[in-house]
Amino acid sequence: MTQSNDNVYQQRIAELEAENSRLRDRLEFVKADRKQLRAEVYGEVKLEHETTEDEYLELIKNHKPGSTARILAELGITPRKPL
């Protein structure tokens, strides 16, 4: 019975690893496409001006609910009220 379960688990693990690989490849394609589109719209961005993964993680860690609305209000950007 355990041999059968082990085979099922191994098969499922192989399926999930294949899906992860496919999704990683797709993610790399999307990142490259977005980078190309950003370059077309804004021009080339120098590497030193790009936000690093660590900076993104720090922003996420320090994010407080509602802070985005407060920042936008300070900038004078407020959402339009529904009609």
C-alpha atoms as a PDB file:
ATOM      1  CA  MET A   1       0.000   0.000   0.000  1.00  0.00           C
ATOM      2  CA  THR A   2       2.793   2.451   0.857  1.00  0.00           C
ATOM      3  CA  GLN A   3       4.604   1.635  -2.405  1.00  0.00           C
ATOM      4  CA  SER A   4       1.494   2.707  -4.296  1.00  0.00           C
ATOM      5  CA  ASN A   5       1.206   5.924  -2.281  1.00  0.00           C
ATOM      6  CA  ASP A   6       4.895   6.664  -2.797  1.00  0.00           C
ATOM      7  CA  ASN A   7       4.465   6.301  -6.555  1.00  0.00           C
ATOM      8  CA  VAL A   8       1.453   8.625  -6.532  1.00  0.00           C
ATOM      9  CA  TYR A   9       3.370  11.178  -4.447  1.00  0.00           C
ATOM     10  CA  GLN A  10       6.439  10.978  -6.681  1.00  0.00           C
ATOM     11  CA  GLN A  11       4.278  11.432  -9.765  1.00  0.00           C
ATOM     12  CA  ARG A  12       2.536  14.452  -8.230  1.00  0.00           C
ATOM     13  CA  ILE A  13       5.883  15.952  -7.185  1.00  0.00           C
ATOM     14  CA  ALA A  14       7.173  15.538 -10.739  1.00  0.00           C
ATOM     15  CA  GLU A  15       4.028  17.232 -12.115  1.00  0.00           C
ATOM     16  CA  LEU A  16       4.396  20.153  -9.703  1.00  0.00           C
ATOM     17  CA  GLU A  17       8.099  20.560 -10.455  1.00  0.00           C
ATOM     18  CA  ALA A  18       7.320  20.618 -14.177  1.00  0.00           C
ATOM     19  CA  GLU A  19       4.617  23.239 -13.582  1.00  0.00           C
ATOM     20  CA  ASN A  20       7.014  25.323 -11.447  1.00  0.00           C
ATOM     21  CA  SER A  21       9.591  25.192 -14.224  1.00  0.00           C
ATOM     22  CA  ARG A  22       7.006  26.249 -16.808  1.00  0.00           C
ATOM     23  CA  LEU A  23       5.819  29.115 -14.576  1.00  0.00           C
ATOM     24  CA  ARG A  24       9.409  30.283 -13.925  1.00  0.00           C
ATOM     25  CA  ASP A  25      10.041  30.370 -17.680  1.00  0.00           C
ATOM     26  CA  ARG A  26       6.818  32.310 -18.226  1.00  0.00           C
ATOM     27  CA  LEU A  27       7.725  34.746 -15.449  1.00  0.00           C
ATOM     28  CA  GLU A  28      11.110  35.423 -17.035  1.00  0.00           C
ATOM     29  CA  PHE A  29       9.376  36.053 -20.366  1.00  0.00           C
ATOM     30  CA  VAL A  30       6.906  38.473 -18.764  1.00  0.00           C
ATOM     31  CA  LYS A  31       9.699  40.306 -16.903  1.00  0.00           C
ATOM     32  CA  ALA A  32      11.669  40.726 -20.124  1.00  0.00           C
ATOM     33  CA  ASP A  33       8.561  41.902 -21.982  1.00  0.00           C
ATOM     34  CA  ARG A  34       7.705  44.437 -19.271  1.00  0.00           C
ATOM     35  CA  LYS A  35      11.288  45.702 -19.228  1.00  0.00           C
ATOM     36  CA  GLN A  36      11.173  46.186 -22.995  1.00  0.00           C
ATOM     37  CA  LEU A  37       7.822  48.001 -22.831  1.00  0.00           C
ATOM     38  CA  ARG A  38       9.049  50.211 -19.976  1.00  0.00           C
ATOM     39  CA  ALA A  39      12.108  51.117 -22.046  1.00  0.00           C
ATOM     40  CA  GLU A  40       9.885  52.037 -24.995  1.00  0.00           C
ATOM     41  CA  VAL A  41       7.657  54.265 -22.861  1.00  0.00           C
ATOM     42  CA  TYR A  42      10.143  55.831 -20.424  1.00  0.00           C
ATOM     43  CA  GLY A  43      13.459  55.236 -22.125  1.00  0.00           C
ATOM     44  CA  GLU A  44      16.249  53.161 -20.701  1.00  0.00           C
ATOM     45  CA  VAL A  45      16.441  53.100 -16.914  1.00  0.00           C
ATOM     46  CA  LYS A  46      19.932  53.062 -15.475  1.00  0.00           C
ATOM     47  CA  LEU A  47      20.627  50.057 -13.297  1.00  0.00           C
ATOM     48  CA  GLU A  48      21.476  52.195 -10.263  1.00  0.00           C
ATOM     49  CA  HIS A  49      17.979  53.765 -10.397  1.00  0.00           C
ATOM     50  CA  GLU A  50      16.099  50.454 -10.432  1.00  0.00           C
ATOM     51  CA  THR A  51      14.493  49.311  -7.210  1.00  0.00           C
ATOM     52  CA  THR A  52      16.155  46.235  -5.759  1.00  0.00           C
ATOM     53  CA  GLU A  53      14.377  43.210  -4.343  1.00  0.00           C
ATOM     54  CA  ASP A  54      15.518  44.180  -0.854  1.00  0.00           C
ATOM     55  CA  GLU A  55      14.003  47.652  -1.266  1.00  0.00           C
ATOM     56  CA  TYR A  56      10.696  46.116  -2.389  1.00  0.00           C
ATOM     57  CA  LEU A  57      10.741  43.781   0.623  1.00  0.00           C
ATOM     58  CA  GLU A  58      11.384  46.710   2.937  1.00  0.00           C
ATOM     59  CA  LEU A  59       8.456  48.629   1.424  1.00  0.00           C
ATOM     60  CA  ILE A  60       6.163  45.649   1.887  1.00  0.00           C
ATOM     61  CA  LYS A  61       7.291  45.092   5.491  1.00  0.00           C
ATOM     62  CA  ASN A  62       6.656  48.733   6.411  1.00  0.00           C
ATOM     63  CA  HIS A  63       3.371  49.124   4.541  1.00  0.00           C
ATOM     64  CA  LYS A  64       0.440  50.016   6.733  1.00  0.00           C
ATOM     65  CA  PRO A  65      -3.163  49.713   5.531  1.00  0.00           C
ATOM     66  CA  GLY A  66      -4.449  53.066   4.350  1.00  0.00           C
ATOM     67  CA  SER A  67      -1.009  54.598   3.972  1.00  0.00           C
ATOM     68  CA  THR A  68      -1.291  54.711   0.197  1.00  0.00           C
ATOM     69  CA  ALA A  69      -4.449  56.823   0.384  1.00  0.00           C
ATOM     70  CA  ARG A  70      -2.755  59.161   2.886  1.00  0.00           C
ATOM     71  CA  ILE A  71       0.303  59.594   0.666  1.00  0.00           C
ATOM     72  CA  LEU A  72      -1.851  60.280  -2.384  1.00  0.00           C
ATOM     73  CA  ALA A  73      -3.917  62.811  -0.410  1.00  0.00           C
ATOM     74  CA  GLU A  74      -0.705  64.582   0.668  1.00  0.00           C
ATOM     75  CA  LEU A  75       0.268  64.806  -2.988  1.00  0.00           C
ATOM     76  CA  GLY A  76      -3.134  66.233  -3.829  1.00  0.00           C
ATOM     77  CA  ILE A  77      -4.170  63.142  -5.761  1.00  0.00           C
ATOM     78  CA  THR A  78      -7.521  61.886  -4.606  1.00  0.00           C
ATOM     79  CA  PRO A  79      -9.753  59.342  -6.267  1.00  0.00           C
ATOM     80  CA  ARG A  80     -12.875  60.612  -7.938  1.00  0.00           C
ATOM     81  CA  LYS A  81     -16.125  59.937  -6.187  1.00  0.00           C
ATOM     82  CA  PRO A  82     -18.485  57.625  -8.068  1.00  0.00           C
ATOM     83  CA  LEU A  83     -21.221  59.382 -10.018  1.00  0.00           C
END
